[in-house]
Amino acid sequence: MATYTLDTAGEVCPFPLVEAKQAMVELASGDELVIDFDCTQATEAIPAWAAGEGYPVTHFDRTGDASWTITVQKP
């Protein structure tokens, strides 16, 4: 199991979600993707996408006034 980080800070929606989708394709089963973002819409879009795809969210936290981190695992 490996952990990868995707920093999308400064990118507007939907790019954090688009990049997360692309990154998950490359991951192996059990790997985790840490997505750092500062797009408010992604606070709903990324968890909704993860739930729809069956990817467990193992961590979700606000890291600043307008920044968040979410960790998604590939089953």
PDB file of N, CA and C in Angstrom:
ATOM      1  N   MET A   1       0.840  -1.167   0.000  1.00  0.00           N
ATOM      2  CA  MET A   1       0.000   0.000   0.000  1.00  0.00           C
ATOM      3  C   MET A   1       0.888   1.235   0.000  1.00  0.00           C
ATOM      4  N   ALA A   2       0.610   2.135  -0.906  1.00  0.00           N
ATOM      5  CA  ALA A   2       1.375   3.374  -1.011  1.00  0.00           C
ATOM      6  C   ALA A   2       0.425   4.562  -0.902  1.00  0.00           C
ATOM      7  N   THR A   3       0.988   5.694  -0.533  1.00  0.00           N
ATOM      8  CA  THR A   3       0.220   6.927  -0.442  1.00  0.00           C
ATOM      9  C   THR A   3       0.800   7.942  -1.415  1.00  0.00           C
ATOM     10  N   TYR A   4      -0.066   8.521  -2.224  1.00  0.00           N
ATOM     11  CA  TYR A   4       0.328   9.524  -3.206  1.00  0.00           C
ATOM     12  C   TYR A   4      -0.379  10.833  -2.877  1.00  0.00           C
ATOM     13  N   THR A   5       0.256  11.930  -3.212  1.00  0.00           N
ATOM     14  CA  THR A   5      -0.316  13.247  -2.938  1.00  0.00           C
ATOM     15  C   THR A   5      -0.579  13.986  -4.239  1.00  0.00           C
ATOM     16  N   LEU A   6      -1.767  14.563  -4.315  1.00  0.00           N
ATOM     17  CA  LEU A   6      -2.163  15.376  -5.457  1.00  0.00           C
ATOM     18  C   LEU A   6      -2.474  16.773  -4.934  1.00  0.00           C
ATOM     19  N   ASP A   7      -1.625  17.728  -5.247  1.00  0.00           N
ATOM     20  CA  ASP A   7      -1.819  19.104  -4.795  1.00  0.00           C
ATOM     21  C   ASP A   7      -2.494  19.890  -5.903  1.00  0.00           C
ATOM     22  N   THR A   8      -3.751  20.261  -5.675  1.00  0.00           N
ATOM     23  CA  THR A   8      -4.493  21.016  -6.675  1.00  0.00           C
ATOM     24  C   THR A   8      -4.793  22.437  -6.196  1.00  0.00           C
ATOM     25  N   ALA A   9      -4.089  22.887  -5.173  1.00  0.00           N
ATOM     26  CA  ALA A   9      -4.314  24.233  -4.643  1.00  0.00           C
ATOM     27  C   ALA A   9      -4.125  25.255  -5.768  1.00  0.00           C
ATOM     28  N   GLY A  10      -5.054  26.183  -5.832  1.00  0.00           N
ATOM     29  CA  GLY A  10      -4.999  27.218  -6.853  1.00  0.00           C
ATOM     30  C   GLY A  10      -5.788  26.874  -8.107  1.00  0.00           C
ATOM     31  N   GLU A  11      -6.246  25.628  -8.197  1.00  0.00           N
ATOM     32  CA  GLU A  11      -7.022  25.222  -9.366  1.00  0.00           C
ATOM     33  C   GLU A  11      -8.512  25.346  -9.058  1.00  0.00           C
ATOM     34  N   VAL A  12      -9.251  25.833 -10.026  1.00  0.00           N
ATOM     35  CA  VAL A  12     -10.688  25.996  -9.830  1.00  0.00           C
ATOM     36  C   VAL A  12     -11.404  24.698 -10.200  1.00  0.00           C
ATOM     37  N   CYS A  13     -12.602  24.547  -9.652  1.00  0.00           N
ATOM     38  CA  CYS A  13     -13.422  23.384  -9.983  1.00  0.00           C
ATOM     39  C   CYS A  13     -13.806  23.437 -11.451  1.00  0.00           C
ATOM     40  N   PRO A  14     -13.848  22.344 -12.103  1.00  0.00           N
ATOM     41  CA  PRO A  14     -13.808  20.970 -11.617  1.00  0.00           C
ATOM     42  C   PRO A  14     -12.424  20.323 -11.677  1.00  0.00           C
ATOM     43  N   PHE A  15     -11.357  21.103 -11.860  1.00  0.00           N
ATOM     44  CA  PHE A  15     -10.047  20.500 -12.087  1.00  0.00           C
ATOM     45  C   PHE A  15      -9.535  19.629 -10.940  1.00  0.00           C
ATOM     46  N   PRO A  16      -9.745  19.974  -9.663  1.00  0.00           N
ATOM     47  CA  PRO A  16      -9.314  19.034  -8.611  1.00  0.00           C
ATOM     48  C   PRO A  16      -9.969  17.658  -8.758  1.00  0.00           C
ATOM     49  N   LEU A  17     -11.235  17.644  -9.086  1.00  0.00           N
ATOM     50  CA  LEU A  17     -11.937  16.370  -9.269  1.00  0.00           C
ATOM     51  C   LEU A  17     -11.447  15.653 -10.521  1.00  0.00           C
ATOM     52  N   VAL A  18     -11.257  16.378 -11.597  1.00  0.00           N
ATOM     53  CA  VAL A  18     -10.791  15.768 -12.847  1.00  0.00           C
ATOM     54  C   VAL A  18      -9.415  15.130 -12.635  1.00  0.00           C
ATOM     55  N   GLU A  19      -8.530  15.847 -11.963  1.00  0.00           N
ATOM     56  CA  GLU A  19      -7.182  15.312 -11.711  1.00  0.00           C
ATOM     57  C   GLU A  19      -7.220  14.136 -10.748  1.00  0.00           C
ATOM     58  N   ALA A  20      -8.114  14.176  -9.776  1.00  0.00           N
ATOM     59  CA  ALA A  20      -8.242  13.055  -8.839  1.00  0.00           C
ATOM     60  C   ALA A  20      -8.697  11.800  -9.566  1.00  0.00           C
ATOM     61  N   LYS A  21      -9.659  11.966 -10.461  1.00  0.00           N
ATOM     62  CA  LYS A  21     -10.142  10.815 -11.237  1.00  0.00           C
ATOM     63  C   LYS A  21      -9.004  10.204 -12.047  1.00  0.00           C
ATOM     64  N   GLN A  22      -8.213  11.050 -12.688  1.00  0.00           N
ATOM     65  CA  GLN A  22      -7.100  10.564 -13.500  1.00  0.00           C
ATOM     66  C   GLN A  22      -6.056   9.865 -12.635  1.00  0.00           C
ATOM     67  N   ALA A  23      -5.774  10.417 -11.469  1.00  0.00           N
ATOM     68  CA  ALA A  23      -4.757   9.846 -10.582  1.00  0.00           C
ATOM     69  C   ALA A  23      -5.195   8.483 -10.052  1.00  0.00           C
ATOM     70  N   MET A  24      -6.484   8.338  -9.726  1.00  0.00           N
ATOM     71  CA  MET A  24      -6.967   7.069  -9.166  1.00  0.00           C
ATOM     72  C   MET A  24      -6.818   5.918 -10.152  1.00  0.00           C
ATOM     73  N   VAL A  25      -6.887   6.208 -11.434  1.00  0.00           N
ATOM     74  CA  VAL A  25      -6.738   5.160 -12.447  1.00  0.00           C
ATOM     75  C   VAL A  25      -5.368   4.496 -12.333  1.00  0.00           C
ATOM     76  N   GLU A  26      -4.361   5.276 -11.970  1.00  0.00           N
ATOM     77  CA  GLU A  26      -2.980   4.787 -11.918  1.00  0.00           C
ATOM     78  C   GLU A  26      -2.666   4.022 -10.635  1.00  0.00           C
ATOM     79  N   LEU A  27      -3.497   4.148  -9.604  1.00  0.00           N
ATOM     80  CA  LEU A  27      -3.215   3.536  -8.311  1.00  0.00           C
ATOM     81  C   LEU A  27      -3.560   2.049  -8.289  1.00  0.00           C
ATOM     82  N   ALA A  28      -2.853   1.319  -7.450  1.00  0.00           N
ATOM     83  CA  ALA A  28      -3.135  -0.098  -7.238  1.00  0.00           C
ATOM     84  C   ALA A  28      -4.122  -0.246  -6.079  1.00  0.00           C
ATOM     85  N   SER A  29      -4.719  -1.410  -5.990  1.00  0.00           N
ATOM     86  CA  SER A  29      -5.650  -1.693  -4.907  1.00  0.00           C
ATOM     87  C   SER A  29      -4.965  -1.497  -3.555  1.00  0.00           C
ATOM     88  N   GLY A  30      -5.611  -0.748  -2.681  1.00  0.00           N
ATOM     89  CA  GLY A  30      -5.072  -0.486  -1.352  1.00  0.00           C
ATOM     90  C   GLY A  30      -4.294   0.820  -1.258  1.00  0.00           C
ATOM     91  N   ASP A  31      -3.907   1.388  -2.399  1.00  0.00           N
ATOM     92  CA  ASP A  31      -3.186   2.667  -2.387  1.00  0.00           C
ATOM     93  C   ASP A  31      -4.136   3.789  -1.981  1.00  0.00           C
ATOM     94  N   GLU A  32      -3.550   4.850  -1.421  1.00  0.00           N
ATOM     95  CA  GLU A  32      -4.343   6.010  -1.029  1.00  0.00           C
ATOM     96  C   GLU A  32      -3.870   7.238  -1.790  1.00  0.00           C
ATOM     97  N   LEU A  33      -4.818   8.116  -2.092  1.00  0.00           N
ATOM     98  CA  LEU A  33      -4.528   9.383  -2.754  1.00  0.00           C
ATOM     99  C   LEU A  33      -4.937  10.510  -1.821  1.00  0.00           C
ATOM    100  N   VAL A  34      -3.973  11.341  -1.439  1.00  0.00           N
ATOM    101  CA  VAL A  34      -4.227  12.518  -0.629  1.00  0.00           C
ATOM    102  C   VAL A  34      -4.409  13.689  -1.592  1.00  0.00           C
ATOM    103  N   ILE A  35      -5.581  14.294  -1.555  1.00  0.00           N
ATOM    104  CA  ILE A  35      -5.900  15.393  -2.460  1.00  0.00           C
ATOM    105  C   ILE A  35      -5.987  16.675  -1.636  1.00  0.00           C
ATOM    106  N   ASP A  36      -5.085  17.601  -1.902  1.00  0.00           N
ATOM    107  CA  ASP A  36      -5.110  18.913  -1.248  1.00  0.00           C
ATOM    108  C   ASP A  36      -5.745  19.893  -2.223  1.00  0.00           C
ATOM    109  N   PHE A  37      -6.736  20.650  -1.749  1.00  0.00           N
ATOM    110  CA  PHE A  37      -7.445  21.559  -2.650  1.00  0.00           C
ATOM    111  C   PHE A  37      -7.966  22.773  -1.906  1.00  0.00           C
ATOM    112  N   ASP A  38      -8.269  23.829  -2.673  1.00  0.00           N
ATOM    113  CA  ASP A  38      -8.812  25.048  -2.069  1.00  0.00           C
ATOM    114  C   ASP A  38     -10.034  25.543  -2.837  1.00  0.00           C
ATOM    115  N   CYS A  39     -10.696  24.630  -3.483  1.00  0.00           N
ATOM    116  CA  CYS A  39     -11.916  24.935  -4.237  1.00  0.00           C
ATOM    117  C   CYS A  39     -13.112  24.493  -3.392  1.00  0.00           C
ATOM    118  N   THR A  40     -13.937  25.437  -2.981  1.00  0.00           N
ATOM    119  CA  THR A  40     -15.051  25.125  -2.088  1.00  0.00           C
ATOM    120  C   THR A  40     -15.990  24.064  -2.659  1.00  0.00           C
ATOM    121  N   GLN A  41     -16.256  24.127  -3.935  1.00  0.00           N
ATOM    122  CA  GLN A  41     -17.178  23.157  -4.548  1.00  0.00           C
ATOM    123  C   GLN A  41     -16.656  21.726  -4.428  1.00  0.00           C
ATOM    124  N   ALA A  42     -15.349  21.566  -4.371  1.00  0.00           N
ATOM    125  CA  ALA A  42     -14.770  20.224  -4.282  1.00  0.00           C
ATOM    126  C   ALA A  42     -15.037  19.579  -2.928  1.00  0.00           C
ATOM    127  N   THR A  43     -15.387  20.377  -1.908  1.00  0.00           N
ATOM    128  CA  THR A  43     -15.699  19.784  -0.605  1.00  0.00           C
ATOM    129  C   THR A  43     -16.925  18.874  -0.705  1.00  0.00           C
ATOM    130  N   GLU A  44     -17.766  19.113  -1.692  1.00  0.00           N
ATOM    131  CA  GLU A  44     -18.912  18.237  -1.921  1.00  0.00           C
ATOM    132  C   GLU A  44     -18.659  17.297  -3.098  1.00  0.00           C
ATOM    133  N   ALA A  45     -18.025  17.826  -4.140  1.00  0.00           N
ATOM    134  CA  ALA A  45     -17.861  17.037  -5.365  1.00  0.00           C
ATOM    135  C   ALA A  45     -16.932  15.833  -5.170  1.00  0.00           C
ATOM    136  N   ILE A  46     -15.830  16.010  -4.472  1.00  0.00           N
ATOM    137  CA  ILE A  46     -14.880  14.899  -4.321  1.00  0.00           C
ATOM    138  C   ILE A  46     -15.456  13.783  -3.438  1.00  0.00           C
ATOM    139  N   PRO A  47     -16.031  14.091  -2.268  1.00  0.00           N
ATOM    140  CA  PRO A  47     -16.637  12.998  -1.489  1.00  0.00           C
ATOM    141  C   PRO A  47     -17.786  12.306  -2.224  1.00  0.00           C
ATOM    142  N   ALA A  48     -18.584  13.064  -2.972  1.00  0.00           N
ATOM    143  CA  ALA A  48     -19.688  12.465  -3.721  1.00  0.00           C
ATOM    144  C   ALA A  48     -19.156  11.531  -4.804  1.00  0.00           C
ATOM    145  N   TRP A  49     -18.113  11.960  -5.495  1.00  0.00           N
ATOM    146  CA  TRP A  49     -17.505  11.114  -6.521  1.00  0.00           C
ATOM    147  C   TRP A  49     -16.937   9.847  -5.882  1.00  0.00           C
ATOM    148  N   ALA A  50     -16.219   9.993  -4.752  1.00  0.00           N
ATOM    149  CA  ALA A  50     -15.612   8.841  -4.083  1.00  0.00           C
ATOM    150  C   ALA A  50     -16.689   7.839  -3.661  1.00  0.00           C
ATOM    151  N   ALA A  51     -17.777   8.336  -3.109  1.00  0.00           N
ATOM    152  CA  ALA A  51     -18.859   7.447  -2.685  1.00  0.00           C
ATOM    153  C   ALA A  51     -19.472   6.737  -3.885  1.00  0.00           C
ATOM    154  N   GLY A  52     -19.657   7.463  -4.967  1.00  0.00           N
ATOM    155  CA  GLY A  52     -20.239   6.879  -6.166  1.00  0.00           C
ATOM    156  C   GLY A  52     -19.372   5.798  -6.796  1.00  0.00           C
ATOM    157  N   GLU A  53     -18.064   5.964  -6.640  1.00  0.00           N
ATOM    158  CA  GLU A  53     -17.124   4.984  -7.205  1.00  0.00           C
ATOM    159  C   GLU A  53     -16.798   3.849  -6.241  1.00  0.00           C
ATOM    160  N   GLY A  54     -17.255   3.975  -4.995  1.00  0.00           N
ATOM    161  CA  GLY A  54     -16.963   2.950  -3.999  1.00  0.00           C
ATOM    162  C   GLY A  54     -15.580   3.099  -3.377  1.00  0.00           C
ATOM    163  N   TYR A  55     -15.013   4.312  -3.441  1.00  0.00           N
ATOM    164  CA  TYR A  55     -13.708   4.585  -2.842  1.00  0.00           C
ATOM    165  C   TYR A  55     -13.917   5.086  -1.409  1.00  0.00           C
ATOM    166  N   PRO A  56     -13.403   4.378  -0.429  1.00  0.00           N
ATOM    167  CA  PRO A  56     -13.534   4.855   0.949  1.00  0.00           C
ATOM    168  C   PRO A  56     -12.749   6.151   1.173  1.00  0.00           C
ATOM    169  N   VAL A  57     -13.359   7.088   1.876  1.00  0.00           N
ATOM    170  CA  VAL A  57     -12.671   8.312   2.308  1.00  0.00           C
ATOM    171  C   VAL A  57     -12.124   8.019   3.693  1.00  0.00           C
ATOM    172  N   THR A  58     -10.794   8.000   3.823  1.00  0.00           N
ATOM    173  CA  THR A  58     -10.184   7.633   5.095  1.00  0.00           C
ATOM    174  C   THR A  58      -9.808   8.848   5.931  1.00  0.00           C
ATOM    175  N   HIS A  59      -9.831  10.033   5.313  1.00  0.00           N
ATOM    176  CA  HIS A  59      -9.521  11.256   6.058  1.00  0.00           C
ATOM    177  C   HIS A  59     -10.071  12.439   5.283  1.00  0.00           C
ATOM    178  N   PHE A  60     -10.660  13.405   6.003  1.00  0.00           N
ATOM    179  CA  PHE A  60     -11.174  14.623   5.370  1.00  0.00           C
ATOM    180  C   PHE A  60     -11.075  15.715   6.413  1.00  0.00           C
ATOM    181  N   ASP A  61     -10.326  16.760   6.115  1.00  0.00           N
ATOM    182  CA  ASP A  61     -10.096  17.791   7.118  1.00  0.00           C
ATOM    183  C   ASP A  61      -9.903  19.148   6.460  1.00  0.00           C
ATOM    184  N   ARG A  62     -10.317  20.178   7.159  1.00  0.00           N
ATOM    185  CA  ARG A  62     -10.063  21.553   6.739  1.00  0.00           C
ATOM    186  C   ARG A  62      -8.685  21.929   7.254  1.00  0.00           C
ATOM    187  N   THR A  63      -7.836  22.421   6.367  1.00  0.00           N
ATOM    188  CA  THR A  63      -6.456  22.723   6.753  1.00  0.00           C
ATOM    189  C   THR A  63      -6.177  24.217   6.834  1.00  0.00           C
ATOM    190  N   GLY A  64      -7.149  25.037   6.450  1.00  0.00           N
ATOM    191  CA  GLY A  64      -6.976  26.484   6.495  1.00  0.00           C
ATOM    192  C   GLY A  64      -8.312  27.167   6.280  1.00  0.00           C
ATOM    193  N   ASP A  65      -8.295  28.496   6.143  1.00  0.00           N
ATOM    194  CA  ASP A  65      -9.540  29.233   5.945  1.00  0.00           C
ATOM    195  C   ASP A  65     -10.301  28.745   4.717  1.00  0.00           C
ATOM    196  N   ALA A  66      -9.585  28.417   3.677  1.00  0.00           N
ATOM    197  CA  ALA A  66     -10.220  27.952   2.436  1.00  0.00           C
ATOM    198  C   ALA A  66      -9.373  26.857   1.797  1.00  0.00           C
ATOM    199  N   SER A  67      -8.974  25.905   2.610  1.00  0.00           N
ATOM    200  CA  SER A  67      -8.204  24.779   2.064  1.00  0.00           C
ATOM    201  C   SER A  67      -8.559  23.509   2.833  1.00  0.00           C
ATOM    202  N   TRP A  68      -8.531  22.395   2.092  1.00  0.00           N
ATOM    203  CA  TRP A  68      -8.934  21.123   2.655  1.00  0.00           C
ATOM    204  C   TRP A  68      -8.001  20.023   2.166  1.00  0.00           C
ATOM    205  N   THR A  69      -8.051  18.897   2.864  1.00  0.00           N
ATOM    206  CA  THR A  69      -7.358  17.705   2.410  1.00  0.00           C
ATOM    207  C   THR A  69      -8.305  16.527   2.580  1.00  0.00           C
ATOM    208  N   ILE A  70      -8.289  15.658   1.617  1.00  0.00           N
ATOM    209  CA  ILE A  70      -9.122  14.461   1.669  1.00  0.00           C
ATOM    210  C   ILE A  70      -8.269  13.296   1.187  1.00  0.00           C
ATOM    211  N   THR A  71      -8.410  12.176   1.862  1.00  0.00           N
ATOM    212  CA  THR A  71      -7.677  10.973   1.473  1.00  0.00           C
ATOM    213  C   THR A  71      -8.677   9.925   1.025  1.00  0.00           C
ATOM    214  N   VAL A  72      -8.459   9.420  -0.175  1.00  0.00           N
ATOM    215  CA  VAL A  72      -9.348   8.440  -0.788  1.00  0.00           C
ATOM    216  C   VAL A  72      -8.538   7.180  -1.050  1.00  0.00           C
ATOM    217  N   GLN A  73      -9.118   6.045  -0.708  1.00  0.00           N
ATOM    218  CA  GLN A  73      -8.428   4.761  -0.896  1.00  0.00           C
ATOM    219  C   GLN A  73      -9.030   4.013  -2.077  1.00  0.00           C
ATOM    220  N   LYS A  74      -8.163   3.389  -2.856  1.00  0.00           N
ATOM    221  CA  LYS A  74      -8.645   2.546  -3.953  1.00  0.00           C
ATOM    222  C   LYS A  74      -8.849   1.132  -3.410  1.00  0.00           C
ATOM    223  N   PRO A  75     -10.075   0.628  -3.465  1.00  0.00           N
ATOM    224  CA  PRO A  75     -10.331  -0.694  -2.890  1.00  0.00           C
ATOM    225  C   PRO A  75      -9.665  -1.816  -3.673  1.00  0.00           C
TER     226      PRO A  75
END
